[in-house]
Amino acid sequence: MIVNLSLQIIPVNSADAYPIIDAAIKVVQESDLKYEVQPFATLLEGPLNEVMEVAMRAKDAALEAGGEELVINIQLHLKKDKDVHFEDKTQKFN
């Protein structure tokens, strides 16, 4: 099943948070998942195990990039017997 995951990584007490956030986004960009980088979060689309794995690798990259403390917000949208796609939620607004 295809799911949507929203990932927000917020470095706490970091003088320059953007390199930390950029390192996390780079992991998402290098994955094979469909994604959208947005101002407050990055959206991922794919199989549940893959989106969760990429989210955890993004967390690791943020820590390796200098994040000493992170607040991570994850939202997950899934359906029991049906795929969830970005366009299903947004196409009526385009």
C-alpha atoms as a PDB file:
ATOM      1  CA  MET A   1       0.000   0.000   0.000  1.00  0.00           C
ATOM      2  CA  ILE A   2       1.148   3.519  -0.815  1.00  0.00           C
ATOM      3  CA  VAL A   3       1.010   6.004   2.069  1.00  0.00           C
ATOM      4  CA  ASN A   4       1.806   9.675   2.648  1.00  0.00           C
ATOM      5  CA  LEU A   5       4.206  10.810   5.340  1.00  0.00           C
ATOM      6  CA  SER A   6       4.870  14.389   6.391  1.00  0.00           C
ATOM      7  CA  LEU A   7       8.290  14.891   7.989  1.00  0.00           C
ATOM      8  CA  GLN A   8       9.299  18.003   9.881  1.00  0.00           C
ATOM      9  CA  ILE A   9      12.722  18.093  11.559  1.00  0.00           C
ATOM     10  CA  ILE A  10      13.341  21.092  13.809  1.00  0.00           C
ATOM     11  CA  PRO A  11      16.838  21.581  15.237  1.00  0.00           C
ATOM     12  CA  VAL A  12      16.630  22.999  18.757  1.00  0.00           C
ATOM     13  CA  ASN A  13      19.271  25.384  20.126  1.00  0.00           C
ATOM     14  CA  SER A  14      21.184  25.468  16.826  1.00  0.00           C
ATOM     15  CA  ALA A  15      22.622  28.790  15.702  1.00  0.00           C
ATOM     16  CA  ASP A  16      22.265  27.787  12.037  1.00  0.00           C
ATOM     17  CA  ALA A  17      19.498  25.238  11.542  1.00  0.00           C
ATOM     18  CA  TYR A  18      19.390  25.249   7.738  1.00  0.00           C
ATOM     19  CA  PRO A  19      22.455  23.047   7.082  1.00  0.00           C
ATOM     20  CA  ILE A  20      20.985  20.479   9.470  1.00  0.00           C
ATOM     21  CA  ILE A  21      17.615  20.572   7.733  1.00  0.00           C
ATOM     22  CA  ASP A  22      19.286  20.489   4.307  1.00  0.00           C
ATOM     23  CA  ALA A  23      21.168  17.307   5.262  1.00  0.00           C
ATOM     24  CA  ALA A  24      17.876  15.626   6.152  1.00  0.00           C
ATOM     25  CA  ILE A  25      16.234  16.764   2.912  1.00  0.00           C
ATOM     26  CA  LYS A  26      19.202  15.460   0.905  1.00  0.00           C
ATOM     27  CA  VAL A  27      18.466  11.952   2.220  1.00  0.00           C
ATOM     28  CA  VAL A  28      14.893  12.279   0.965  1.00  0.00           C
ATOM     29  CA  GLN A  29      16.063  13.596  -2.414  1.00  0.00           C
ATOM     30  CA  GLU A  30      18.465  10.668  -2.826  1.00  0.00           C
ATOM     31  CA  SER A  31      15.734   8.116  -2.094  1.00  0.00           C
ATOM     32  CA  ASP A  32      13.564   6.556  -4.772  1.00  0.00           C
ATOM     33  CA  LEU A  33      10.437   7.952  -3.138  1.00  0.00           C
ATOM     34  CA  LYS A  34       8.124  10.587  -4.544  1.00  0.00           C
ATOM     35  CA  TYR A  35       8.501  13.713  -2.404  1.00  0.00           C
ATOM     36  CA  GLU A  36       7.681  17.410  -2.148  1.00  0.00           C
ATOM     37  CA  VAL A  37       9.784  19.848  -0.148  1.00  0.00           C
ATOM     38  CA  GLN A  38       7.525  22.491   1.386  1.00  0.00           C
ATOM     39  CA  PRO A  39       8.227  25.450   3.686  1.00  0.00           C
ATOM     40  CA  PHE A  40       7.377  23.688   6.944  1.00  0.00           C
ATOM     41  CA  ALA A  41       7.731  19.974   6.135  1.00  0.00           C
ATOM     42  CA  THR A  42       8.738  17.503   3.467  1.00  0.00           C
ATOM     43  CA  LEU A  43       6.084  15.136   2.120  1.00  0.00           C
ATOM     44  CA  LEU A  44       6.956  11.575   1.121  1.00  0.00           C
ATOM     45  CA  GLU A  45       4.896   9.032  -0.789  1.00  0.00           C
ATOM     46  CA  GLY A  46       5.567   5.321  -1.045  1.00  0.00           C
ATOM     47  CA  PRO A  47       5.286   2.005   0.760  1.00  0.00           C
ATOM     48  CA  LEU A  48       4.996   2.379   4.541  1.00  0.00           C
ATOM     49  CA  ASN A  49       8.248   0.615   5.379  1.00  0.00           C
ATOM     50  CA  GLU A  50      10.174   2.712   2.850  1.00  0.00           C
ATOM     51  CA  VAL A  51       8.839   6.121   3.940  1.00  0.00           C
ATOM     52  CA  MET A  52       9.543   5.236   7.579  1.00  0.00           C
ATOM     53  CA  GLU A  53      13.068   4.081   6.719  1.00  0.00           C
ATOM     54  CA  VAL A  54      13.815   7.289   4.825  1.00  0.00           C
ATOM     55  CA  ALA A  55      12.421   9.375   7.717  1.00  0.00           C
ATOM     56  CA  MET A  56      14.767   7.598  10.146  1.00  0.00           C
ATOM     57  CA  ARG A  57      17.747   8.059   7.811  1.00  0.00           C
ATOM     58  CA  ALA A  58      16.869  11.758   7.518  1.00  0.00           C
ATOM     59  CA  LYS A  59      16.882  11.982  11.322  1.00  0.00           C
ATOM     60  CA  ASP A  60      20.321  10.349  11.408  1.00  0.00           C
ATOM     61  CA  ALA A  61      21.621  12.771   8.770  1.00  0.00           C
ATOM     62  CA  ALA A  62      20.353  15.740  10.782  1.00  0.00           C
ATOM     63  CA  LEU A  63      22.196  14.475  13.854  1.00  0.00           C
ATOM     64  CA  GLU A  64      25.372  13.848  11.841  1.00  0.00           C
ATOM     65  CA  ALA A  65      25.147  17.364  10.377  1.00  0.00           C
ATOM     66  CA  GLY A  66      25.404  18.874  13.853  1.00  0.00           C
ATOM     67  CA  GLY A  67      21.927  18.639  15.289  1.00  0.00           C
ATOM     68  CA  GLU A  68      22.344  18.116  19.016  1.00  0.00           C
ATOM     69  CA  GLU A  69      18.629  18.181  19.790  1.00  0.00           C
ATOM     70  CA  LEU A  70      15.767  17.680  17.347  1.00  0.00           C
ATOM     71  CA  VAL A  71      12.012  17.944  17.464  1.00  0.00           C
ATOM     72  CA  ILE A  72      10.610  15.602  14.819  1.00  0.00           C
ATOM     73  CA  ASN A  73       6.988  15.743  13.730  1.00  0.00           C
ATOM     74  CA  ILE A  74       5.696  12.886  11.600  1.00  0.00           C
ATOM     75  CA  GLN A  75       2.201  12.621  10.190  1.00  0.00           C
ATOM     76  CA  LEU A  76       1.151   9.487   8.386  1.00  0.00           C
ATOM     77  CA  HIS A  77      -1.891   9.014   6.163  1.00  0.00           C
ATOM     78  CA  LEU A  78      -2.807   5.478   5.158  1.00  0.00           C
ATOM     79  CA  LYS A  79      -5.890   3.567   4.177  1.00  0.00           C
ATOM     80  CA  LYS A  80      -6.647  -0.064   4.926  1.00  0.00           C
ATOM     81  CA  ASP A  81      -7.328  -1.217   1.378  1.00  0.00           C
ATOM     82  CA  LYS A  82      -6.377   1.686  -0.872  1.00  0.00           C
ATOM     83  CA  ASP A  83      -3.291   3.657  -1.860  1.00  0.00           C
ATOM     84  CA  VAL A  84      -2.950   7.293  -0.777  1.00  0.00           C
ATOM     85  CA  HIS A  85      -1.493   9.732  -3.330  1.00  0.00           C
ATOM     86  CA  PHE A  86      -0.693  13.450  -3.102  1.00  0.00           C
ATOM     87  CA  GLU A  87      -2.893  14.210  -6.110  1.00  0.00           C
ATOM     88  CA  ASP A  88      -5.952  12.602  -4.535  1.00  0.00           C
ATOM     89  CA  LYS A  89      -5.907  15.385  -1.960  1.00  0.00           C
ATOM     90  CA  THR A  90      -4.701  18.340  -4.012  1.00  0.00           C
ATOM     91  CA  GLN A  91      -5.739  17.991  -7.659  1.00  0.00           C
ATOM     92  CA  LYS A  92      -9.021  19.853  -7.143  1.00  0.00           C
ATOM     93  CA  PHE A  93      -7.007  22.966  -6.223  1.00  0.00           C
ATOM     94  CA  ASN A  94      -4.890  23.022  -9.394  1.00  0.00           C
END
